[in-house]
Every structure is written in structure tokens, then in C-alpha cells.
Amino acid sequence: MVATRKDWKTTPLPKARASITLDRTYSAAEFQRICEGYIPQEMEDKWFSYYEEPWLYLHRSWTGFGIYQVRFEPTADGGGEVVEVLVSRDPEQYKETDDAVDSRWVGFLLDEYAGRETDGFWE
């Protein structure tokens, strides 16, 4: 099932935001999995995501706050390349302020959605 904006309560990314760097390219199959989005199934699922070309929107599942937006450009093989990442910097909605931590987080989430191996990612 493909996730859509209407599948969850969401709040857009606030005006207080930063642009961070993430170097990632995904194959056609991986990009397709990312574009399907993710609908939380249980309380432990912390993220809701959906894709509206060219952006993937990632929201915290409990609050609906928009935390990340990832813009993709298509690759020649039908995959997707990350070309822009925006992150919330509204301290009322999101406490993280370290761009490097956010880059790792969004990279982890994308890799997980793509079906890439993420065991040991944080070690």
C-alpha cells in the first residue's frame, strides 16, 4: 500500500529549517520502495512518510510534525538521487540542532525504506 498525505495527521515543515547535505543514490527498485512511503503500524513506529514528486516527506508519527523533506532527481536507470534535504529547526517541534546527526538520521531512514542493510549503522 502506498502512503499518501491523507493517511496520517501531518503538520508541514516549519519555516524554521535548515538545508543539510546527504550523498545518496538509489536504484530503481530501492527508489520505488522509498516512494511507497511508510505508515506506522504500532506505537514503536516513530515515522510516517509519503512521496509527492519530487519530495519525500517524513513526519514524526506521534505528533505529525514535519521533520525532514528530501528532494529526489531521477537517474538514468529509473532510480533516484538525493539533491536536497530540509530539516526542521523549530525548537518547539524538534530539539536536534546538529546537521551531521540529522544527515545520519535521514540517511538511515532512507536506507531502511530502500531495503538496504542498516544493522550496525549507528556503531
N, C-alpha and C. Protein backbone atom coordinates (compact mmCIF):
# COMPACT_ATOMS: atom_id res chain seq x y z
N MET A 1 0.84 -1.19 0.00
CA MET A 1 0.00 0.00 0.00
C MET A 1 0.88 1.25 0.00
N VAL A 2 0.62 2.15 -0.90
CA VAL A 2 1.38 3.39 -1.00
C VAL A 2 0.79 4.41 -0.03
N ALA A 3 1.65 5.00 0.79
CA ALA A 3 1.21 6.02 1.74
C ALA A 3 0.94 7.33 1.02
N THR A 4 -0.08 8.05 1.50
CA THR A 4 -0.38 9.38 0.98
C THR A 4 -0.50 10.35 2.14
N ARG A 5 -0.48 11.60 1.81
CA ARG A 5 -0.61 12.67 2.81
C ARG A 5 -1.85 12.45 3.68
N LYS A 6 -2.92 11.94 3.12
CA LYS A 6 -4.19 11.78 3.84
C LYS A 6 -4.21 10.61 4.81
N ASP A 7 -3.15 9.78 4.81
CA ASP A 7 -3.12 8.60 5.66
C ASP A 7 -2.76 8.89 7.12
N TRP A 8 -2.34 10.10 7.42
CA TRP A 8 -1.88 10.41 8.78
C TRP A 8 -2.08 11.89 9.04
N LYS A 9 -2.23 12.24 10.30
CA LYS A 9 -2.28 13.65 10.68
C LYS A 9 -0.88 14.23 10.50
N THR A 10 -0.76 15.30 9.71
CA THR A 10 0.55 15.88 9.47
C THR A 10 0.53 17.39 9.62
N THR A 11 1.67 17.92 10.00
CA THR A 11 1.91 19.35 10.06
C THR A 11 3.10 19.62 9.15
N PRO A 12 3.01 20.62 8.27
CA PRO A 12 4.11 20.87 7.34
C PRO A 12 5.42 21.23 8.05
N LEU A 13 6.52 21.07 7.33
CA LEU A 13 7.82 21.50 7.83
C LEU A 13 7.73 23.00 8.15
N PRO A 14 8.18 23.42 9.33
CA PRO A 14 8.05 24.84 9.70
C PRO A 14 9.00 25.73 8.90
N LYS A 15 8.78 27.03 8.99
CA LYS A 15 9.66 27.99 8.31
C LYS A 15 11.07 27.97 8.90
N ALA A 16 11.16 27.64 10.19
CA ALA A 16 12.48 27.50 10.82
C ALA A 16 13.05 26.16 10.37
N ARG A 17 13.96 26.22 9.40
CA ARG A 17 14.50 24.99 8.81
C ARG A 17 15.93 25.22 8.36
N ALA A 18 16.61 24.11 8.12
CA ALA A 18 17.98 24.16 7.60
C ALA A 18 18.08 23.23 6.41
N SER A 19 19.06 23.48 5.58
CA SER A 19 19.37 22.60 4.46
C SER A 19 20.61 21.81 4.86
N ILE A 20 20.54 20.48 4.73
CA ILE A 20 21.68 19.64 5.10
C ILE A 20 22.12 18.82 3.89
N THR A 21 23.32 18.28 3.98
CA THR A 21 23.90 17.52 2.89
C THR A 21 23.73 16.02 3.11
N LEU A 22 23.35 15.32 2.05
CA LEU A 22 23.26 13.87 2.08
C LEU A 22 23.57 13.34 0.69
N ASP A 23 24.62 12.55 0.58
CA ASP A 23 25.03 11.98 -0.69
C ASP A 23 24.48 10.56 -0.80
N ARG A 24 23.34 10.41 -1.51
CA ARG A 24 22.73 9.09 -1.67
C ARG A 24 22.12 8.98 -3.05
N THR A 25 22.31 7.81 -3.66
CA THR A 25 21.66 7.47 -4.91
C THR A 25 21.07 6.07 -4.75
N TYR A 26 19.85 5.90 -5.23
CA TYR A 26 19.15 4.64 -5.08
C TYR A 26 18.79 4.05 -6.44
N SER A 27 18.87 2.72 -6.53
CA SER A 27 18.49 2.02 -7.76
C SER A 27 16.98 2.20 -7.98
N ALA A 28 16.51 1.78 -9.15
CA ALA A 28 15.07 1.88 -9.45
C ALA A 28 14.24 1.12 -8.43
N ALA A 29 14.64 -0.10 -8.08
CA ALA A 29 13.88 -0.90 -7.10
C ALA A 29 13.91 -0.25 -5.72
N GLU A 30 15.06 0.25 -5.30
CA GLU A 30 15.17 0.90 -4.00
C GLU A 30 14.33 2.17 -3.96
N PHE A 31 14.41 2.95 -5.03
CA PHE A 31 13.66 4.21 -5.09
C PHE A 31 12.15 3.94 -5.06
N GLN A 32 11.72 2.90 -5.72
CA GLN A 32 10.30 2.53 -5.70
C GLN A 32 9.85 2.24 -4.27
N ARG A 33 10.67 1.51 -3.51
CA ARG A 33 10.32 1.21 -2.11
C ARG A 33 10.24 2.49 -1.28
N ILE A 34 11.19 3.42 -1.51
CA ILE A 34 11.17 4.69 -0.80
C ILE A 34 9.87 5.45 -1.11
N CYS A 35 9.50 5.48 -2.40
CA CYS A 35 8.32 6.22 -2.85
C CYS A 35 7.01 5.65 -2.32
N GLU A 36 7.02 4.40 -1.88
CA GLU A 36 5.82 3.81 -1.30
C GLU A 36 5.49 4.44 0.05
N GLY A 37 6.48 5.06 0.68
CA GLY A 37 6.26 5.68 1.97
C GLY A 37 6.14 4.65 3.07
N TYR A 38 5.77 5.13 4.25
CA TYR A 38 5.64 4.23 5.39
C TYR A 38 4.53 4.72 6.30
N ILE A 39 3.60 3.84 6.61
CA ILE A 39 2.51 4.12 7.55
C ILE A 39 2.78 3.33 8.82
N PRO A 40 2.91 4.01 9.96
CA PRO A 40 3.18 3.31 11.22
C PRO A 40 2.12 2.27 11.53
N GLN A 41 2.57 1.14 12.05
CA GLN A 41 1.65 0.05 12.38
C GLN A 41 1.47 -0.13 13.89
N GLU A 42 2.42 0.38 14.68
CA GLU A 42 2.34 0.24 16.13
C GLU A 42 3.00 1.43 16.80
N MET A 43 2.80 1.56 18.09
CA MET A 43 3.32 2.72 18.85
C MET A 43 4.82 2.92 18.70
N GLU A 44 5.57 1.84 18.54
CA GLU A 44 7.02 1.93 18.44
C GLU A 44 7.49 2.50 17.11
N ASP A 45 6.61 2.55 16.12
CA ASP A 45 6.97 3.12 14.82
C ASP A 45 6.95 4.64 14.94
N LYS A 46 8.11 5.24 14.80
CA LYS A 46 8.24 6.66 15.09
C LYS A 46 8.07 7.59 13.88
N TRP A 47 7.99 7.01 12.68
CA TRP A 47 7.95 7.84 11.48
C TRP A 47 6.79 7.48 10.55
N PHE A 48 6.25 8.50 9.91
CA PHE A 48 5.30 8.38 8.81
C PHE A 48 5.92 9.09 7.62
N SER A 49 5.90 8.46 6.45
CA SER A 49 6.46 9.12 5.27
C SER A 49 5.59 8.88 4.05
N TYR A 50 5.62 9.83 3.14
CA TYR A 50 4.91 9.70 1.87
C TYR A 50 5.67 10.51 0.81
N TYR A 51 5.45 10.14 -0.44
CA TYR A 51 6.15 10.76 -1.55
C TYR A 51 5.17 11.49 -2.45
N GLU A 52 5.48 12.76 -2.73
CA GLU A 52 4.78 13.55 -3.74
C GLU A 52 5.87 14.17 -4.59
N GLU A 53 6.01 13.67 -5.80
CA GLU A 53 7.12 14.04 -6.67
C GLU A 53 7.38 15.53 -6.67
N PRO A 54 8.60 15.96 -6.44
CA PRO A 54 9.84 15.21 -6.27
C PRO A 54 10.26 15.03 -4.80
N TRP A 55 9.34 15.28 -3.85
CA TRP A 55 9.69 15.29 -2.43
C TRP A 55 9.18 14.06 -1.68
N LEU A 56 10.04 13.56 -0.77
CA LEU A 56 9.64 12.60 0.25
C LEU A 56 9.48 13.39 1.54
N TYR A 57 8.34 13.25 2.20
CA TYR A 57 8.04 13.95 3.44
C TYR A 57 8.12 12.96 4.59
N LEU A 58 8.85 13.32 5.64
CA LEU A 58 8.99 12.46 6.81
C LEU A 58 8.50 13.21 8.04
N HIS A 59 7.50 12.60 8.70
CA HIS A 59 6.86 13.20 9.86
C HIS A 59 7.01 12.29 11.08
N ARG A 60 7.11 12.89 12.25
CA ARG A 60 7.07 12.10 13.48
C ARG A 60 5.66 11.55 13.62
N SER A 61 5.55 10.27 13.90
CA SER A 61 4.23 9.63 13.90
C SER A 61 3.35 10.10 15.06
N TRP A 62 3.92 10.35 16.21
CA TRP A 62 3.09 10.71 17.37
C TRP A 62 2.52 12.11 17.26
N THR A 63 3.33 13.04 16.74
CA THR A 63 2.91 14.45 16.70
C THR A 63 2.45 14.88 15.31
N GLY A 64 2.91 14.19 14.27
CA GLY A 64 2.62 14.60 12.91
C GLY A 64 3.51 15.72 12.40
N PHE A 65 4.43 16.19 13.26
CA PHE A 65 5.31 17.29 12.84
C PHE A 65 6.20 16.87 11.68
N GLY A 66 6.28 17.73 10.66
CA GLY A 66 7.21 17.50 9.57
C GLY A 66 8.63 17.76 10.05
N ILE A 67 9.50 16.77 9.92
CA ILE A 67 10.88 16.90 10.37
C ILE A 67 11.84 16.98 9.19
N TYR A 68 11.66 16.13 8.19
CA TYR A 68 12.54 16.12 7.02
C TYR A 68 11.72 16.20 5.73
N GLN A 69 12.31 16.84 4.72
CA GLN A 69 11.83 16.77 3.36
C GLN A 69 13.04 16.47 2.49
N VAL A 70 12.90 15.46 1.64
CA VAL A 70 14.01 15.02 0.79
C VAL A 70 13.57 15.13 -0.66
N ARG A 71 14.33 15.91 -1.44
CA ARG A 71 14.01 16.07 -2.86
C ARG A 71 14.91 15.16 -3.69
N PHE A 72 14.29 14.43 -4.59
CA PHE A 72 15.00 13.50 -5.46
C PHE A 72 14.96 13.98 -6.91
N GLU A 73 16.01 13.66 -7.65
CA GLU A 73 16.01 13.79 -9.10
C GLU A 73 16.15 12.40 -9.67
N PRO A 74 15.45 12.13 -10.77
CA PRO A 74 15.54 10.79 -11.37
C PRO A 74 16.93 10.53 -11.95
N THR A 75 17.33 9.27 -11.89
CA THR A 75 18.59 8.85 -12.51
C THR A 75 18.27 8.14 -13.82
N ALA A 76 19.27 7.94 -14.64
CA ALA A 76 19.09 7.32 -15.96
C ALA A 76 18.47 5.94 -15.88
N ASP A 77 18.75 5.21 -14.79
CA ASP A 77 18.24 3.84 -14.66
C ASP A 77 16.87 3.77 -13.97
N GLY A 78 16.24 4.92 -13.74
CA GLY A 78 14.93 4.93 -13.10
C GLY A 78 14.99 5.04 -11.60
N GLY A 79 16.17 5.20 -11.07
CA GLY A 79 16.35 5.36 -9.63
C GLY A 79 16.17 6.81 -9.22
N GLY A 80 16.67 7.12 -8.03
CA GLY A 80 16.56 8.48 -7.52
C GLY A 80 17.82 8.91 -6.80
N GLU A 81 18.19 10.16 -7.02
CA GLU A 81 19.36 10.74 -6.35
C GLU A 81 18.89 11.85 -5.44
N VAL A 82 19.36 11.85 -4.20
CA VAL A 82 19.03 12.91 -3.25
C VAL A 82 19.76 14.18 -3.69
N VAL A 83 19.00 15.25 -3.90
CA VAL A 83 19.61 16.52 -4.31
C VAL A 83 19.38 17.64 -3.31
N GLU A 84 18.46 17.42 -2.37
CA GLU A 84 18.20 18.45 -1.36
C GLU A 84 17.54 17.80 -0.16
N VAL A 85 17.96 18.21 1.04
CA VAL A 85 17.33 17.75 2.28
C VAL A 85 17.08 18.97 3.16
N LEU A 86 15.85 19.12 3.59
CA LEU A 86 15.49 20.17 4.53
C LEU A 86 15.14 19.51 5.86
N VAL A 87 15.47 20.19 6.95
CA VAL A 87 15.19 19.66 8.28
C VAL A 87 14.61 20.78 9.16
N SER A 88 13.67 20.41 9.99
CA SER A 88 13.06 21.35 10.92
C SER A 88 14.10 21.87 11.92
N ARG A 89 14.02 23.14 12.20
CA ARG A 89 14.84 23.74 13.26
C ARG A 89 13.96 24.51 14.24
N ASP A 90 12.68 24.14 14.29
CA ASP A 90 11.75 24.73 15.24
C ASP A 90 11.91 24.01 16.58
N PRO A 91 12.48 24.69 17.59
CA PRO A 91 12.74 24.02 18.88
C PRO A 91 11.48 23.56 19.61
N GLU A 92 10.32 24.08 19.23
CA GLU A 92 9.07 23.64 19.83
C GLU A 92 8.63 22.29 19.25
N GLN A 93 9.15 21.93 18.09
CA GLN A 93 8.74 20.70 17.42
C GLN A 93 9.86 19.66 17.33
N TYR A 94 11.11 20.15 17.37
CA TYR A 94 12.25 19.23 17.14
C TYR A 94 13.47 19.80 17.82
N LYS A 95 14.07 19.01 18.70
CA LYS A 95 15.16 19.51 19.54
C LYS A 95 16.55 19.41 18.91
N GLU A 96 16.73 18.54 17.91
CA GLU A 96 18.07 18.35 17.33
C GLU A 96 18.50 19.61 16.60
N THR A 97 19.79 19.95 16.73
CA THR A 97 20.34 21.13 16.05
C THR A 97 21.64 20.81 15.30
N ASP A 98 22.07 19.57 15.35
CA ASP A 98 23.34 19.17 14.73
C ASP A 98 23.07 18.62 13.33
N ASP A 99 23.57 19.32 12.32
CA ASP A 99 23.34 18.90 10.93
C ASP A 99 23.90 17.50 10.65
N ALA A 100 25.04 17.18 11.24
CA ALA A 100 25.65 15.86 11.00
C ALA A 100 24.78 14.74 11.56
N VAL A 101 24.20 14.95 12.72
CA VAL A 101 23.30 13.95 13.31
C VAL A 101 22.06 13.79 12.42
N ASP A 102 21.51 14.90 11.96
CA ASP A 102 20.34 14.81 11.08
C ASP A 102 20.67 14.14 9.76
N SER A 103 21.83 14.40 9.22
CA SER A 103 22.23 13.75 7.98
C SER A 103 22.30 12.23 8.16
N ARG A 104 22.85 11.79 9.29
CA ARG A 104 22.91 10.35 9.58
C ARG A 104 21.50 9.78 9.75
N TRP A 105 20.64 10.51 10.47
CA TRP A 105 19.28 10.03 10.72
C TRP A 105 18.52 9.85 9.41
N VAL A 106 18.50 10.88 8.59
CA VAL A 106 17.71 10.79 7.36
C VAL A 106 18.34 9.76 6.42
N GLY A 107 19.66 9.63 6.42
CA GLY A 107 20.31 8.59 5.62
C GLY A 107 19.90 7.20 6.09
N PHE A 108 19.85 7.01 7.39
CA PHE A 108 19.41 5.73 7.96
C PHE A 108 17.98 5.42 7.54
N LEU A 109 17.09 6.39 7.69
CA LEU A 109 15.69 6.17 7.35
C LEU A 109 15.53 5.83 5.87
N LEU A 110 16.19 6.57 5.00
CA LEU A 110 16.09 6.30 3.57
C LEU A 110 16.64 4.92 3.23
N ASP A 111 17.80 4.60 3.79
CA ASP A 111 18.38 3.28 3.52
C ASP A 111 17.46 2.16 4.00
N GLU A 112 16.85 2.36 5.16
CA GLU A 112 15.92 1.36 5.69
C GLU A 112 14.70 1.21 4.77
N TYR A 113 14.11 2.33 4.36
CA TYR A 113 12.97 2.28 3.45
C TYR A 113 13.34 1.63 2.13
N ALA A 114 14.58 1.85 1.67
CA ALA A 114 15.04 1.31 0.39
C ALA A 114 15.29 -0.20 0.46
N GLY A 115 15.41 -0.72 1.68
CA GLY A 115 15.68 -2.14 1.85
C GLY A 115 17.16 -2.45 1.98
N ARG A 116 17.97 -1.42 2.21
CA ARG A 116 19.40 -1.63 2.39
C ARG A 116 19.67 -2.13 3.81
N GLU A 117 20.79 -2.79 3.99
CA GLU A 117 21.22 -3.29 5.29
C GLU A 117 21.52 -2.09 6.21
N THR A 118 20.90 -2.05 7.37
CA THR A 118 21.14 -0.95 8.33
C THR A 118 21.64 -1.45 9.68
N ASP A 119 21.79 -2.78 9.85
CA ASP A 119 22.35 -3.30 11.11
C ASP A 119 23.74 -2.72 11.32
N GLY A 120 24.01 -2.23 12.51
CA GLY A 120 25.31 -1.68 12.82
C GLY A 120 25.51 -0.26 12.32
N PHE A 121 24.47 0.34 11.78
CA PHE A 121 24.56 1.69 11.21
C PHE A 121 25.05 2.71 12.23
N TRP A 122 24.60 2.57 13.48
CA TRP A 122 24.93 3.56 14.50
C TRP A 122 26.19 3.24 15.29
N GLU A 123 26.87 2.16 14.92
CA GLU A 123 28.08 1.80 15.67
C GLU A 123 29.30 2.53 15.16
